[in-house]
Amino acid sequence: MEQMEEENMNLRLDTDVQKLEAKRLRKGKTKAEEDLNSLKTDYKKHRLSIRTSGLGKTLEQWREEIRKEKNKVDSWERKFQEV
């Protein structure tokens, strides 16, 4: 009979340990999900910042912008020469 009580006590302890472990894992999962969501938010903010600053332009877009600026410079030089 005493052996059965000891076995029951061991089973309760095992159950308690497993419950604590499960709780710890849930907390870890929640923290990991929060971190992931934070990273996603930061990534979206950085991408938006890159787009609005023009750093995300393709090589062709930069070439087009440079061409337009050169045309402006040429136009101003012609106007200056006329004066």
C-alpha atoms as a PDB file:
ATOM      1  CA  MET A   1       0.000   0.000   0.000  1.00  0.00           C
ATOM      2  CA  GLU A   2       2.803   2.401   0.874  1.00  0.00           C
ATOM      3  CA  GLN A   3       4.440   1.723  -2.476  1.00  0.00           C
ATOM      4  CA  MET A   4       1.187   2.671  -4.235  1.00  0.00           C
ATOM      5  CA  GLU A   5       1.002   5.979  -2.313  1.00  0.00           C
ATOM      6  CA  GLU A   6       4.599   6.726  -3.238  1.00  0.00           C
ATOM      7  CA  GLU A   7       3.853   5.938  -6.867  1.00  0.00           C
ATOM      8  CA  ASN A   8       0.808   8.252  -6.796  1.00  0.00           C
ATOM      9  CA  MET A   9       2.915  11.018  -5.280  1.00  0.00           C
ATOM     10  CA  ASN A  10       5.548  10.541  -7.992  1.00  0.00           C
ATOM     11  CA  LEU A  11       2.856  10.674 -10.672  1.00  0.00           C
ATOM     12  CA  ARG A  12       1.477  13.922  -9.211  1.00  0.00           C
ATOM     13  CA  LEU A  13       4.981  15.375  -9.151  1.00  0.00           C
ATOM     14  CA  ASP A  14       5.548  14.306 -12.761  1.00  0.00           C
ATOM     15  CA  THR A  15       2.239  15.919 -13.708  1.00  0.00           C
ATOM     16  CA  ASP A  16       3.183  19.140 -11.921  1.00  0.00           C
ATOM     17  CA  VAL A  17       6.558  19.203 -13.669  1.00  0.00           C
ATOM     18  CA  GLN A  18       4.915  18.634 -17.047  1.00  0.00           C
ATOM     19  CA  LYS A  19       2.378  21.411 -16.377  1.00  0.00           C
ATOM     20  CA  LEU A  20       5.171  23.821 -15.472  1.00  0.00           C
ATOM     21  CA  GLU A  21       7.135  22.845 -18.558  1.00  0.00           C
ATOM     22  CA  ALA A  22       4.059  23.336 -20.759  1.00  0.00           C
ATOM     23  CA  LYS A  23       3.470  26.756 -19.171  1.00  0.00           C
ATOM     24  CA  ARG A  24       7.101  27.737 -19.775  1.00  0.00           C
ATOM     25  CA  LEU A  25       6.873  26.627 -23.409  1.00  0.00           C
ATOM     26  CA  ARG A  26       3.640  28.597 -23.944  1.00  0.00           C
ATOM     27  CA  LYS A  27       5.296  31.723 -22.526  1.00  0.00           C
ATOM     28  CA  GLY A  28       8.275  31.183 -24.815  1.00  0.00           C
ATOM     29  CA  LYS A  29       6.007  30.717 -27.818  1.00  0.00           C
ATOM     30  CA  THR A  30       4.091  33.880 -26.969  1.00  0.00           C
ATOM     31  CA  LYS A  31       7.333  35.841 -26.613  1.00  0.00           C
ATOM     32  CA  ALA A  32       8.626  34.484 -29.922  1.00  0.00           C
ATOM     33  CA  GLU A  33       5.358  35.462 -31.657  1.00  0.00           C
ATOM     34  CA  GLU A  34       5.559  38.978 -30.184  1.00  0.00           C
ATOM     35  CA  ASP A  35       9.167  39.304 -31.341  1.00  0.00           C
ATOM     36  CA  LEU A  36       8.238  38.101 -34.823  1.00  0.00           C
ATOM     37  CA  ASN A  37       5.382  40.595 -35.057  1.00  0.00           C
ATOM     38  CA  SER A  38       7.708  43.369 -33.915  1.00  0.00           C
ATOM     39  CA  LEU A  39      10.266  42.389 -36.556  1.00  0.00           C
ATOM     40  CA  LYS A  40       7.578  42.360 -39.250  1.00  0.00           C
ATOM     41  CA  THR A  41       6.444  45.841 -38.211  1.00  0.00           C
ATOM     42  CA  ASP A  42      10.028  47.140 -38.222  1.00  0.00           C
ATOM     43  CA  TYR A  43      10.636  45.569 -41.640  1.00  0.00           C
ATOM     44  CA  LYS A  44       7.547  47.262 -43.096  1.00  0.00           C
ATOM     45  CA  LYS A  45       8.627  50.632 -41.648  1.00  0.00           C
ATOM     46  CA  HIS A  46      12.126  50.252 -43.100  1.00  0.00           C
ATOM     47  CA  ARG A  47      10.816  49.266 -46.524  1.00  0.00           C
ATOM     48  CA  LEU A  48       8.508  52.283 -46.534  1.00  0.00           C
ATOM     49  CA  SER A  49      11.409  54.500 -45.484  1.00  0.00           C
ATOM     50  CA  ILE A  50      13.576  53.124 -48.280  1.00  0.00           C
ATOM     51  CA  ARG A  51      10.826  53.710 -50.841  1.00  0.00           C
ATOM     52  CA  THR A  52      10.108  57.263 -49.704  1.00  0.00           C
ATOM     53  CA  SER A  53      13.800  58.170 -49.588  1.00  0.00           C
ATOM     54  CA  GLY A  54      14.380  56.864 -53.105  1.00  0.00           C
ATOM     55  CA  LEU A  55      16.943  54.282 -52.057  1.00  0.00           C
ATOM     56  CA  GLY A  56      14.786  51.489 -53.432  1.00  0.00           C
ATOM     57  CA  LYS A  57      15.011  52.707 -57.026  1.00  0.00           C
ATOM     58  CA  THR A  58      16.216  50.434 -59.764  1.00  0.00           C
ATOM     59  CA  LEU A  59      19.263  51.270 -61.849  1.00  0.00           C
ATOM     60  CA  GLU A  60      17.004  52.241 -64.739  1.00  0.00           C
ATOM     61  CA  GLN A  61      14.992  54.590 -62.506  1.00  0.00           C
ATOM     62  CA  TRP A  62      18.206  56.280 -61.353  1.00  0.00           C
ATOM     63  CA  ARG A  63      19.386  56.643 -64.967  1.00  0.00           C
ATOM     64  CA  GLU A  64      16.079  58.234 -65.920  1.00  0.00           C
ATOM     65  CA  GLU A  65      16.281  60.657 -63.003  1.00  0.00           C
ATOM     66  CA  ILE A  66      19.873  61.584 -63.896  1.00  0.00           C
ATOM     67  CA  ARG A  67      18.874  62.101 -67.541  1.00  0.00           C
ATOM     68  CA  LYS A  68      16.067  64.464 -66.474  1.00  0.00           C
ATOM     69  CA  GLU A  69      18.400  66.418 -64.210  1.00  0.00           C
ATOM     70  CA  LYS A  70      20.988  66.720 -66.996  1.00  0.00           C
ATOM     71  CA  ASN A  71      18.285  68.046 -69.302  1.00  0.00           C
ATOM     72  CA  LYS A  72      17.387  70.668 -66.692  1.00  0.00           C
ATOM     73  CA  VAL A  73      21.030  71.701 -66.365  1.00  0.00           C
ATOM     74  CA  ASP A  74      21.374  71.934 -70.143  1.00  0.00           C
ATOM     75  CA  SER A  75      18.234  74.044 -70.326  1.00  0.00           C
ATOM     76  CA  TRP A  76      19.504  76.439 -67.671  1.00  0.00           C
ATOM     77  CA  GLU A  77      22.886  76.684 -69.386  1.00  0.00           C
ATOM     78  CA  ARG A  78      21.197  77.604 -72.683  1.00  0.00           C
ATOM     79  CA  LYS A  79      19.119  80.254 -70.930  1.00  0.00           C
ATOM     80  CA  PHE A  80      22.222  81.619 -69.253  1.00  0.00           C
ATOM     81  CA  GLN A  81      24.078  81.726 -72.599  1.00  0.00           C
ATOM     82  CA  GLU A  82      21.192  83.658 -74.178  1.00  0.00           C
ATOM     83  CA  VAL A  83      21.366  86.295 -71.478  1.00  0.00           C
END
